[in-house]
Every structure is written in structure tokens, then in C-alpha cells.
N, C-alpha and C. Protein backbone atom coordinates (compact mmCIF):
# COMPACT_ATOMS: atom_id res chain seq x y z
N UNK A 1 148.26 225.20 61.11
CA UNK A 1 147.36 226.31 60.94
C UNK A 1 147.15 226.54 59.44
N UNK A 2 145.93 226.74 59.04
CA UNK A 2 145.63 226.94 57.63
C UNK A 2 145.93 228.38 57.24
N UNK A 3 146.48 228.56 56.05
CA UNK A 3 146.76 229.91 55.55
C UNK A 3 145.58 230.37 54.73
N UNK A 4 145.25 231.63 54.88
CA UNK A 4 144.18 232.21 54.08
C UNK A 4 144.80 233.18 53.09
N UNK A 5 144.32 233.13 51.87
CA UNK A 5 144.84 234.01 50.85
C UNK A 5 143.72 234.95 50.44
N UNK A 6 144.03 236.24 50.29
CA UNK A 6 143.00 237.17 49.84
C UNK A 6 142.54 236.80 48.43
N UNK A 7 141.28 237.07 48.15
CA UNK A 7 140.68 236.71 46.87
C UNK A 7 141.47 237.25 45.68
N UNK A 8 141.97 238.51 45.69
CA UNK A 8 142.75 238.98 44.54
C UNK A 8 143.99 238.12 44.29
N UNK A 9 144.65 237.66 45.34
CA UNK A 9 145.84 236.83 45.16
C UNK A 9 145.47 235.49 44.55
N UNK A 10 144.34 234.93 44.97
CA UNK A 10 143.89 233.66 44.41
C UNK A 10 143.53 233.84 42.94
N UNK A 11 142.82 234.92 42.62
CA UNK A 11 142.44 235.18 41.23
C UNK A 11 143.67 235.39 40.37
N UNK A 12 144.65 236.14 40.88
CA UNK A 12 145.88 236.38 40.14
C UNK A 12 146.61 235.05 39.89
N UNK A 13 146.70 234.22 40.92
CA UNK A 13 147.36 232.92 40.78
C UNK A 13 146.65 232.06 39.74
N UNK A 14 145.34 232.06 39.75
CA UNK A 14 144.57 231.27 38.78
C UNK A 14 144.79 231.81 37.37
N UNK A 15 144.83 233.12 37.24
CA UNK A 15 145.04 233.73 35.92
C UNK A 15 146.43 233.38 35.39
N UNK A 16 147.43 233.44 36.27
CA UNK A 16 148.78 233.10 35.84
C UNK A 16 148.89 231.63 35.43
N UNK A 17 148.24 230.78 36.17
CA UNK A 17 148.27 229.36 35.82
C UNK A 17 147.59 229.13 34.47
N UNK A 18 146.49 229.83 34.26
CA UNK A 18 145.76 229.69 33.00
C UNK A 18 146.55 230.23 31.83
N UNK A 19 147.33 231.28 32.06
CA UNK A 19 148.12 231.88 30.99
C UNK A 19 149.28 230.99 30.59
N UNK A 20 149.70 230.11 31.46
CA UNK A 20 150.83 229.24 31.17
C UNK A 20 150.45 228.08 30.27
N UNK A 21 149.21 228.01 29.91
CA UNK A 21 148.78 226.91 29.05
C UNK A 21 147.93 225.93 29.85
N UNK A 22 147.45 224.90 29.21
CA UNK A 22 146.60 223.95 29.92
C UNK A 22 147.38 223.23 31.02
N UNK A 23 146.76 223.13 32.14
CA UNK A 23 147.38 222.46 33.27
C UNK A 23 147.26 220.96 33.10
N UNK A 24 148.24 220.22 33.57
CA UNK A 24 148.13 218.77 33.49
C UNK A 24 146.95 218.30 34.34
N UNK A 25 146.34 217.23 33.93
CA UNK A 25 145.20 216.70 34.67
C UNK A 25 145.69 216.09 35.97
N UNK A 26 145.34 216.73 37.06
CA UNK A 26 145.73 216.26 38.37
C UNK A 26 144.47 216.14 39.21
N UNK A 27 144.34 215.04 39.89
CA UNK A 27 143.20 214.85 40.78
C UNK A 27 143.62 215.22 42.20
N UNK A 28 143.10 216.33 42.65
CA UNK A 28 143.37 216.76 44.00
C UNK A 28 142.30 216.22 44.92
N UNK A 29 142.70 215.85 46.11
CA UNK A 29 141.75 215.37 47.10
C UNK A 29 141.54 216.49 48.11
N UNK A 30 140.28 216.85 48.28
CA UNK A 30 139.94 217.95 49.17
C UNK A 30 139.05 217.41 50.29
N UNK A 31 139.30 217.89 51.48
CA UNK A 31 138.48 217.53 52.63
C UNK A 31 138.00 218.80 53.31
N UNK A 32 136.98 218.66 54.09
CA UNK A 32 136.44 219.80 54.82
C UNK A 32 136.16 219.37 56.25
N UNK A 33 136.30 220.32 57.17
CA UNK A 33 135.97 220.03 58.57
C UNK A 33 135.01 221.09 59.08
N UNK A 34 134.20 220.68 60.00
CA UNK A 34 133.29 221.58 60.70
C UNK A 34 133.83 221.72 62.12
N UNK A 35 134.56 222.79 62.41
CA UNK A 35 135.19 222.93 63.72
C UNK A 35 134.20 222.87 64.88
N UNK A 36 133.02 223.43 64.69
CA UNK A 36 132.02 223.40 65.77
C UNK A 36 131.60 221.97 66.09
N UNK A 37 131.38 221.17 65.06
CA UNK A 37 131.00 219.77 65.27
C UNK A 37 132.11 219.02 66.00
N UNK A 38 133.34 219.26 65.59
CA UNK A 38 134.47 218.58 66.22
C UNK A 38 134.55 218.95 67.70
N UNK A 39 134.46 220.23 68.00
CA UNK A 39 134.56 220.68 69.39
C UNK A 39 133.41 220.14 70.22
N UNK A 40 132.20 220.26 69.70
CA UNK A 40 131.02 219.82 70.46
C UNK A 40 131.04 218.33 70.77
N UNK A 41 131.66 217.54 69.92
CA UNK A 41 131.61 216.08 70.09
C UNK A 41 132.89 215.49 70.66
N UNK A 42 133.92 216.28 70.84
CA UNK A 42 135.19 215.70 71.30
C UNK A 42 135.20 215.52 72.82
N UNK A 43 135.70 214.40 73.27
CA UNK A 43 135.77 214.14 74.72
C UNK A 43 136.76 215.09 75.41
N UNK A 44 137.76 215.56 74.67
CA UNK A 44 138.71 216.50 75.26
C UNK A 44 138.01 217.79 75.66
N UNK A 45 137.10 218.25 74.82
CA UNK A 45 136.34 219.46 75.14
C UNK A 45 135.45 219.22 76.36
N UNK A 46 134.79 218.10 76.37
CA UNK A 46 133.89 217.76 77.48
C UNK A 46 134.67 217.72 78.80
N UNK A 47 135.83 217.09 78.78
CA UNK A 47 136.66 216.99 79.98
C UNK A 47 137.12 218.38 80.45
N UNK A 48 137.61 219.18 79.51
CA UNK A 48 138.09 220.52 79.86
C UNK A 48 136.95 221.39 80.39
N UNK A 49 135.80 221.28 79.77
CA UNK A 49 134.63 222.06 80.22
C UNK A 49 134.22 221.66 81.63
N UNK A 50 134.22 220.36 81.92
CA UNK A 50 133.85 219.90 83.26
C UNK A 50 134.86 220.37 84.30
N UNK A 51 136.15 220.32 83.98
CA UNK A 51 137.18 220.79 84.91
C UNK A 51 137.01 222.28 85.16
N UNK A 52 136.72 223.03 84.12
CA UNK A 52 136.53 224.47 84.25
C UNK A 52 135.30 224.77 85.10
N UNK A 53 134.23 224.03 84.89
CA UNK A 53 133.01 224.24 85.67
C UNK A 53 133.24 223.96 87.15
N UNK A 54 134.02 222.92 87.45
CA UNK A 54 134.31 222.61 88.86
C UNK A 54 135.11 223.74 89.50
N UNK A 55 136.12 224.22 88.79
CA UNK A 55 136.95 225.30 89.33
C UNK A 55 136.13 226.57 89.53
N UNK A 56 135.26 226.88 88.59
CA UNK A 56 134.43 228.08 88.69
C UNK A 56 133.42 227.93 89.82
N UNK A 57 132.87 226.75 89.98
CA UNK A 57 131.87 226.53 91.02
C UNK A 57 132.47 226.74 92.41
N UNK A 58 133.68 226.27 92.62
CA UNK A 58 134.34 226.46 93.92
C UNK A 58 134.56 227.94 94.21
N UNK A 59 135.02 228.64 93.21
CA UNK A 59 135.30 230.06 93.38
C UNK A 59 134.00 230.84 93.59
N UNK A 60 132.96 230.50 92.83
CA UNK A 60 131.68 231.18 92.98
C UNK A 60 131.09 230.97 94.37
N UNK A 61 131.29 229.79 94.93
CA UNK A 61 130.80 229.51 96.28
C UNK A 61 131.49 230.42 97.29
N UNK A 62 132.79 230.58 97.18
CA UNK A 62 133.52 231.47 98.08
C UNK A 62 133.06 232.91 97.94
N UNK A 63 132.86 233.35 96.69
CA UNK A 63 132.40 234.71 96.45
C UNK A 63 130.98 234.92 97.01
N UNK A 64 130.13 233.92 96.85
CA UNK A 64 128.77 234.00 97.38
C UNK A 64 128.78 234.10 98.91
N UNK A 65 129.67 233.33 99.54
CA UNK A 65 129.79 233.38 101.00
C UNK A 65 130.26 234.76 101.46
N UNK A 66 131.22 235.33 100.73
CA UNK A 66 131.69 236.68 101.07
C UNK A 66 130.57 237.70 100.91
N UNK A 67 129.78 237.55 99.85
CA UNK A 67 128.66 238.47 99.62
C UNK A 67 127.63 238.36 100.74
N UNK A 68 127.36 237.14 101.18
CA UNK A 68 126.39 236.95 102.27
C UNK A 68 126.89 237.57 103.57
N UNK A 69 128.19 237.43 103.86
CA UNK A 69 128.76 238.06 105.05
C UNK A 69 128.65 239.57 104.97
N UNK A 70 128.92 240.12 103.81
CA UNK A 70 128.83 241.56 103.61
C UNK A 70 127.40 242.04 103.79
N UNK A 71 126.46 241.32 103.24
CA UNK A 71 125.04 241.68 103.37
C UNK A 71 124.61 241.63 104.83
N UNK A 72 125.07 240.63 105.56
CA UNK A 72 124.72 240.51 106.98
C UNK A 72 125.28 241.70 107.77
N UNK A 73 126.50 242.12 107.46
CA UNK A 73 127.09 243.28 108.14
C UNK A 73 126.32 244.56 107.82
N UNK A 74 125.92 244.72 106.56
CA UNK A 74 125.15 245.90 106.16
C UNK A 74 123.80 245.94 106.88
N UNK A 75 123.16 244.77 106.99
CA UNK A 75 121.87 244.69 107.70
C UNK A 75 122.05 245.01 109.18
N UNK A 76 123.14 244.52 109.76
CA UNK A 76 123.43 244.80 111.17
C UNK A 76 123.64 246.30 111.39
N UNK A 77 124.38 246.94 110.48
CA UNK A 77 124.62 248.37 110.60
C UNK A 77 123.31 249.14 110.52
N UNK A 78 122.46 248.80 109.57
CA UNK A 78 121.17 249.49 109.43
C UNK A 78 120.29 249.28 110.65
N UNK A 79 120.30 248.06 111.17
CA UNK A 79 119.43 247.71 112.29
C UNK A 79 119.94 248.29 113.61
N UNK A 80 121.27 248.17 113.84
CA UNK A 80 121.81 248.49 115.16
C UNK A 80 122.51 249.84 115.26
N UNK A 81 122.63 250.57 114.16
CA UNK A 81 123.35 251.85 114.19
C UNK A 81 122.83 252.81 115.26
N UNK A 82 121.52 252.93 115.44
CA UNK A 82 121.03 253.86 116.48
C UNK A 82 121.46 253.45 117.90
N UNK A 83 121.76 252.17 118.10
CA UNK A 83 122.12 251.68 119.43
C UNK A 83 123.63 251.68 119.65
N UNK A 84 124.42 251.90 118.58
CA UNK A 84 125.87 251.84 118.66
C UNK A 84 126.46 253.22 118.90
N UNK A 85 127.69 253.19 119.42
CA UNK A 85 128.42 254.44 119.57
C UNK A 85 129.01 254.85 118.23
N UNK A 86 129.43 256.10 118.10
CA UNK A 86 129.98 256.62 116.85
C UNK A 86 131.21 255.84 116.39
N UNK A 87 132.10 255.51 117.35
CA UNK A 87 133.31 254.77 116.99
C UNK A 87 132.96 253.40 116.42
N UNK A 88 132.00 252.73 117.04
CA UNK A 88 131.61 251.39 116.58
C UNK A 88 130.95 251.46 115.20
N UNK A 89 130.11 252.48 114.97
CA UNK A 89 129.47 252.67 113.67
C UNK A 89 130.55 252.91 112.60
N UNK A 90 131.53 253.77 112.95
CA UNK A 90 132.60 254.07 111.99
C UNK A 90 133.43 252.83 111.68
N UNK A 91 133.76 252.04 112.71
CA UNK A 91 134.53 250.82 112.51
C UNK A 91 133.77 249.83 111.61
N UNK A 92 132.48 249.66 111.88
CA UNK A 92 131.67 248.74 111.08
C UNK A 92 131.52 249.25 109.64
N UNK A 93 131.34 250.55 109.46
CA UNK A 93 131.24 251.15 108.14
C UNK A 93 132.53 250.93 107.35
N UNK A 94 133.67 251.13 108.00
CA UNK A 94 134.96 250.91 107.34
C UNK A 94 135.15 249.44 106.98
N UNK A 95 134.74 248.55 107.89
CA UNK A 95 134.84 247.11 107.62
C UNK A 95 134.00 246.73 106.40
N UNK A 96 132.78 247.26 106.34
CA UNK A 96 131.89 246.98 105.20
C UNK A 96 132.50 247.51 103.91
N UNK A 97 133.03 248.71 103.94
CA UNK A 97 133.64 249.32 102.75
C UNK A 97 134.84 248.48 102.28
N UNK A 98 135.69 248.06 103.22
CA UNK A 98 136.87 247.26 102.86
C UNK A 98 136.47 245.90 102.29
N UNK A 99 135.49 245.27 102.93
CA UNK A 99 135.03 243.97 102.44
C UNK A 99 134.40 244.08 101.05
N UNK A 100 133.65 245.16 100.84
CA UNK A 100 133.02 245.38 99.54
C UNK A 100 134.09 245.57 98.46
N UNK A 101 135.11 246.34 98.76
CA UNK A 101 136.21 246.57 97.82
C UNK A 101 136.92 245.25 97.50
N UNK A 102 137.20 244.46 98.52
CA UNK A 102 137.88 243.17 98.31
C UNK A 102 137.00 242.22 97.50
N UNK A 103 135.70 242.22 97.76
CA UNK A 103 134.78 241.36 97.03
C UNK A 103 134.74 241.74 95.55
N UNK A 104 134.63 243.02 95.27
CA UNK A 104 134.59 243.47 93.87
C UNK A 104 135.89 243.11 93.16
N UNK A 105 137.01 243.26 93.85
CA UNK A 105 138.30 242.89 93.26
C UNK A 105 138.34 241.39 92.97
N UNK A 106 137.88 240.60 93.93
CA UNK A 106 137.88 239.14 93.76
C UNK A 106 136.96 238.71 92.62
N UNK A 107 135.83 239.39 92.47
CA UNK A 107 134.91 239.07 91.37
C UNK A 107 135.55 239.38 90.02
N UNK A 108 136.21 240.52 89.91
CA UNK A 108 136.90 240.88 88.67
C UNK A 108 138.02 239.91 88.36
N UNK A 109 138.76 239.53 89.39
CA UNK A 109 139.84 238.57 89.22
C UNK A 109 139.30 237.22 88.75
N UNK A 110 138.15 236.81 89.29
CA UNK A 110 137.53 235.54 88.90
C UNK A 110 137.11 235.58 87.43
N UNK A 111 136.55 236.71 86.99
CA UNK A 111 136.14 236.84 85.58
C UNK A 111 137.36 236.76 84.66
N UNK A 112 138.43 237.46 85.04
CA UNK A 112 139.65 237.43 84.22
C UNK A 112 140.25 236.03 84.17
N UNK A 113 140.25 235.36 85.30
CA UNK A 113 140.80 234.00 85.36
C UNK A 113 139.98 233.05 84.49
N UNK A 114 138.66 233.19 84.53
CA UNK A 114 137.79 232.35 83.71
C UNK A 114 138.08 232.58 82.23
N UNK A 115 138.21 233.83 81.83
CA UNK A 115 138.50 234.15 80.44
C UNK A 115 139.84 233.56 80.02
N UNK A 116 140.83 233.69 80.88
CA UNK A 116 142.16 233.15 80.60
C UNK A 116 142.11 231.64 80.45
N UNK A 117 141.43 230.97 81.35
CA UNK A 117 141.32 229.51 81.29
C UNK A 117 140.57 229.05 80.05
N UNK A 118 139.51 229.78 79.67
CA UNK A 118 138.76 229.43 78.47
C UNK A 118 139.66 229.56 77.23
N UNK A 119 140.43 230.63 77.18
CA UNK A 119 141.34 230.83 76.04
C UNK A 119 142.40 229.74 75.99
N UNK A 120 142.94 229.37 77.14
CA UNK A 120 143.93 228.29 77.19
C UNK A 120 143.31 226.97 76.71
N UNK A 121 142.08 226.72 77.14
CA UNK A 121 141.38 225.51 76.76
C UNK A 121 141.18 225.47 75.24
N UNK A 122 140.74 226.59 74.67
CA UNK A 122 140.52 226.65 73.22
C UNK A 122 141.82 226.43 72.45
N UNK A 123 142.88 227.07 72.92
CA UNK A 123 144.18 226.94 72.25
C UNK A 123 144.67 225.50 72.29
N UNK A 124 144.58 224.88 73.45
CA UNK A 124 145.03 223.49 73.60
C UNK A 124 144.21 222.56 72.71
N UNK A 125 142.89 222.73 72.74
CA UNK A 125 142.02 221.90 71.92
C UNK A 125 142.26 222.15 70.44
N UNK A 126 142.49 223.40 70.07
CA UNK A 126 142.77 223.73 68.68
C UNK A 126 144.02 223.03 68.17
N UNK A 127 145.05 222.99 69.02
CA UNK A 127 146.29 222.30 68.63
C UNK A 127 146.05 220.80 68.47
N UNK A 128 145.24 220.23 69.36
CA UNK A 128 144.95 218.80 69.27
C UNK A 128 144.18 218.50 67.98
N UNK A 129 143.21 219.35 67.66
CA UNK A 129 142.43 219.15 66.44
C UNK A 129 143.33 219.28 65.22
N UNK A 130 144.20 220.27 65.23
CA UNK A 130 145.11 220.48 64.10
C UNK A 130 146.02 219.26 63.89
N UNK A 131 146.52 218.69 64.98
CA UNK A 131 147.37 217.50 64.88
C UNK A 131 146.61 216.33 64.27
N UNK A 132 145.39 216.12 64.73
CA UNK A 132 144.59 215.00 64.24
C UNK A 132 144.23 215.21 62.77
N UNK A 133 143.85 216.43 62.41
CA UNK A 133 143.48 216.73 61.02
C UNK A 133 144.68 216.51 60.10
N UNK A 134 145.85 216.99 60.52
CA UNK A 134 147.06 216.82 59.72
C UNK A 134 147.40 215.34 59.56
N UNK A 135 147.31 214.60 60.64
CA UNK A 135 147.59 213.16 60.62
C UNK A 135 146.64 212.44 59.66
N UNK A 136 145.37 212.76 59.76
CA UNK A 136 144.35 212.15 58.91
C UNK A 136 144.57 212.51 57.44
N UNK A 137 144.92 213.76 57.18
CA UNK A 137 145.15 214.21 55.80
C UNK A 137 146.32 213.45 55.18
N UNK A 138 147.39 213.29 55.95
CA UNK A 138 148.55 212.58 55.42
C UNK A 138 148.23 211.12 55.15
N UNK A 139 147.50 210.50 56.07
CA UNK A 139 147.15 209.08 55.89
C UNK A 139 146.24 208.85 54.70
N UNK A 140 145.29 209.75 54.49
CA UNK A 140 144.31 209.57 53.41
C UNK A 140 144.73 210.22 52.11
N UNK A 141 145.88 210.89 52.12
CA UNK A 141 146.35 211.55 50.90
C UNK A 141 145.52 212.75 50.51
N UNK A 142 145.04 213.48 51.48
CA UNK A 142 144.23 214.67 51.21
C UNK A 142 145.18 215.84 50.96
N UNK A 143 144.95 216.55 49.88
CA UNK A 143 145.82 217.65 49.49
C UNK A 143 145.43 218.97 50.17
N UNK A 144 144.17 219.14 50.45
CA UNK A 144 143.69 220.40 51.02
C UNK A 144 142.53 220.12 51.94
N UNK A 145 142.56 220.72 53.11
CA UNK A 145 141.44 220.64 54.03
C UNK A 145 141.02 222.06 54.36
N UNK A 146 139.74 222.32 54.18
CA UNK A 146 139.21 223.65 54.48
C UNK A 146 138.31 223.57 55.71
N UNK A 147 138.25 224.68 56.39
CA UNK A 147 137.40 224.78 57.57
C UNK A 147 136.04 225.28 57.15
N UNK A 148 135.00 224.68 57.69
CA UNK A 148 133.64 225.07 57.36
C UNK A 148 133.32 226.51 57.68
N UNK A 149 134.07 227.12 58.60
CA UNK A 149 133.81 228.51 58.95
C UNK A 149 134.22 229.46 57.84
N UNK A 150 135.11 229.05 56.98
CA UNK A 150 135.61 229.91 55.92
C UNK A 150 135.02 229.57 54.56
N UNK A 151 134.07 228.67 54.53
CA UNK A 151 133.50 228.19 53.28
C UNK A 151 131.99 228.32 53.37
N UNK A 152 131.36 228.74 52.28
CA UNK A 152 129.91 228.87 52.28
C UNK A 152 129.20 227.52 52.22
N UNK A 153 129.78 226.61 51.48
CA UNK A 153 129.15 225.30 51.33
C UNK A 153 130.22 224.25 51.06
N UNK A 154 130.00 223.08 51.63
CA UNK A 154 130.78 221.92 51.23
C UNK A 154 129.92 220.69 51.43
N UNK A 155 130.15 219.73 50.57
CA UNK A 155 129.37 218.51 50.58
C UNK A 155 129.78 217.62 51.75
N UNK A 156 128.82 216.89 52.27
CA UNK A 156 129.12 215.93 53.34
C UNK A 156 130.07 214.84 52.84
N UNK A 157 130.14 214.68 51.54
CA UNK A 157 131.02 213.68 50.95
C UNK A 157 132.48 213.97 51.28
N UNK A 158 132.84 215.24 51.40
CA UNK A 158 134.24 215.58 51.71
C UNK A 158 134.42 215.98 53.17
N UNK A 159 133.36 215.93 53.95
CA UNK A 159 133.43 216.31 55.36
C UNK A 159 134.07 215.19 56.18
N UNK A 160 135.19 215.48 56.80
CA UNK A 160 135.90 214.47 57.59
C UNK A 160 135.79 214.76 59.10
N UNK A 161 134.88 215.63 59.48
CA UNK A 161 134.75 216.03 60.88
C UNK A 161 134.51 214.85 61.81
N UNK A 162 133.63 213.95 61.42
CA UNK A 162 133.33 212.80 62.28
C UNK A 162 134.55 211.90 62.45
N UNK A 163 135.35 211.77 61.40
CA UNK A 163 136.58 210.98 61.51
C UNK A 163 137.56 211.63 62.47
N UNK A 164 137.62 212.97 62.42
CA UNK A 164 138.49 213.69 63.35
C UNK A 164 138.03 213.46 64.78
N UNK A 165 136.72 213.53 65.00
CA UNK A 165 136.18 213.31 66.34
C UNK A 165 136.50 211.91 66.82
N UNK A 166 136.35 210.92 65.96
CA UNK A 166 136.65 209.53 66.34
C UNK A 166 138.10 209.38 66.73
N UNK A 167 138.99 210.00 65.98
CA UNK A 167 140.41 209.91 66.32
C UNK A 167 140.71 210.64 67.63
N UNK A 168 140.03 211.74 67.85
CA UNK A 168 140.24 212.45 69.11
C UNK A 168 139.75 211.61 70.29
N UNK A 169 138.63 210.90 70.08
CA UNK A 169 138.15 209.99 71.13
C UNK A 169 139.18 208.90 71.42
N UNK A 170 139.73 208.34 70.35
CA UNK A 170 140.72 207.28 70.51
C UNK A 170 141.95 207.80 71.25
N UNK A 171 142.40 208.99 70.91
CA UNK A 171 143.56 209.56 71.59
C UNK A 171 143.23 209.86 73.05
N UNK A 172 142.02 210.30 73.31
CA UNK A 172 141.59 210.61 74.67
C UNK A 172 141.54 209.33 75.53
N UNK A 173 141.03 208.25 74.93
CA UNK A 173 140.93 206.99 75.64
C UNK A 173 142.29 206.35 75.85
N UNK A 174 143.23 206.67 74.99
CA UNK A 174 144.57 206.09 75.09
C UNK A 174 145.37 206.69 76.24
N UNK A 175 144.94 207.82 76.74
CA UNK A 175 145.67 208.48 77.84
C UNK A 175 145.59 207.70 79.11
């Protein structure tokens, strides 16, 4: 995980270094990554997104079926209530109310589960990206890698995002 330093701390550090006299000439190697590009192009993201879509689709189908059953019962009550006895109307009304309550609960649970799964997916992918970036930095002797989200501009010359994506593809294919 990259550490962020507040601007005053960075300025203070630079001032202290400058006060100590001229710094020795050191060539630092800096790299930059575009997290969005990495995520959008990584096969791990594509796989996780497809798995999530399949799981959501199955659940949505069940919820849609429950909604259709509820709608059919409501239509039956509206249509047949004048022909039914009071006890039957009350039983059907209670059944509709209970089914509606269960459906709303299931819909809320589905939304929460989706959010949880999305967060888990992001966390897992983030760890994979971090491992690949660290590995690449060590191999190439990069001293600092910055994320494009925290930087206003960086040259494509120092952008290693595509290399990260290629390594993630290789790791994905190796599984």
C-alpha cells in the first residue's frame, strides 16, 4: 500500500534536506500506474465481474418470480374479492402482506450481498495489483511508483500500467 504524506510534511522534508547542503547526485527511477487502466484490462477483473453477474442474475430471477407471484395474488384479490367470503379475503390479504414483506427483505438482502461481493472483489484485485506492481518495481529497480489517481500528470514514459496488466494476464493464465 502506498503511503501518502501531507504537503506540509513533504515541504518540510525538502526544506530540511536543502538546509543540510547539496544533496549527492542520485538518479531515482520513478514509475506511475493508472489503476483504472489496470482494472479495466485485467483478466482477473473480467473473471470476477462475470462470476458476480452470474450470481446476481440467478438471484434476480428468483426475486422476479416472487414479484410475479405477488402481483398475481394481488390481481386475484382485486378481481375475486366480491365473490369471496370475509375469511378468505382476510387470509389472502395476509398472505399478500407476508409475501410482500419477505420480498422486500430479500431485495434488501440481495443489494447488501452485491455490495459486499463487489467490495471483496475490489480488495482481492487490489492486493493482486499491489503484488504485481511491487514485483515489477523490484525487478526494474524502480524507487517510487505513484498512482495516477493521486497525480495530476505523468508522462507515458514512466507509465508501467500496461506491463502490470501483462503480468496479471500471465499470472491469470498460469492458474
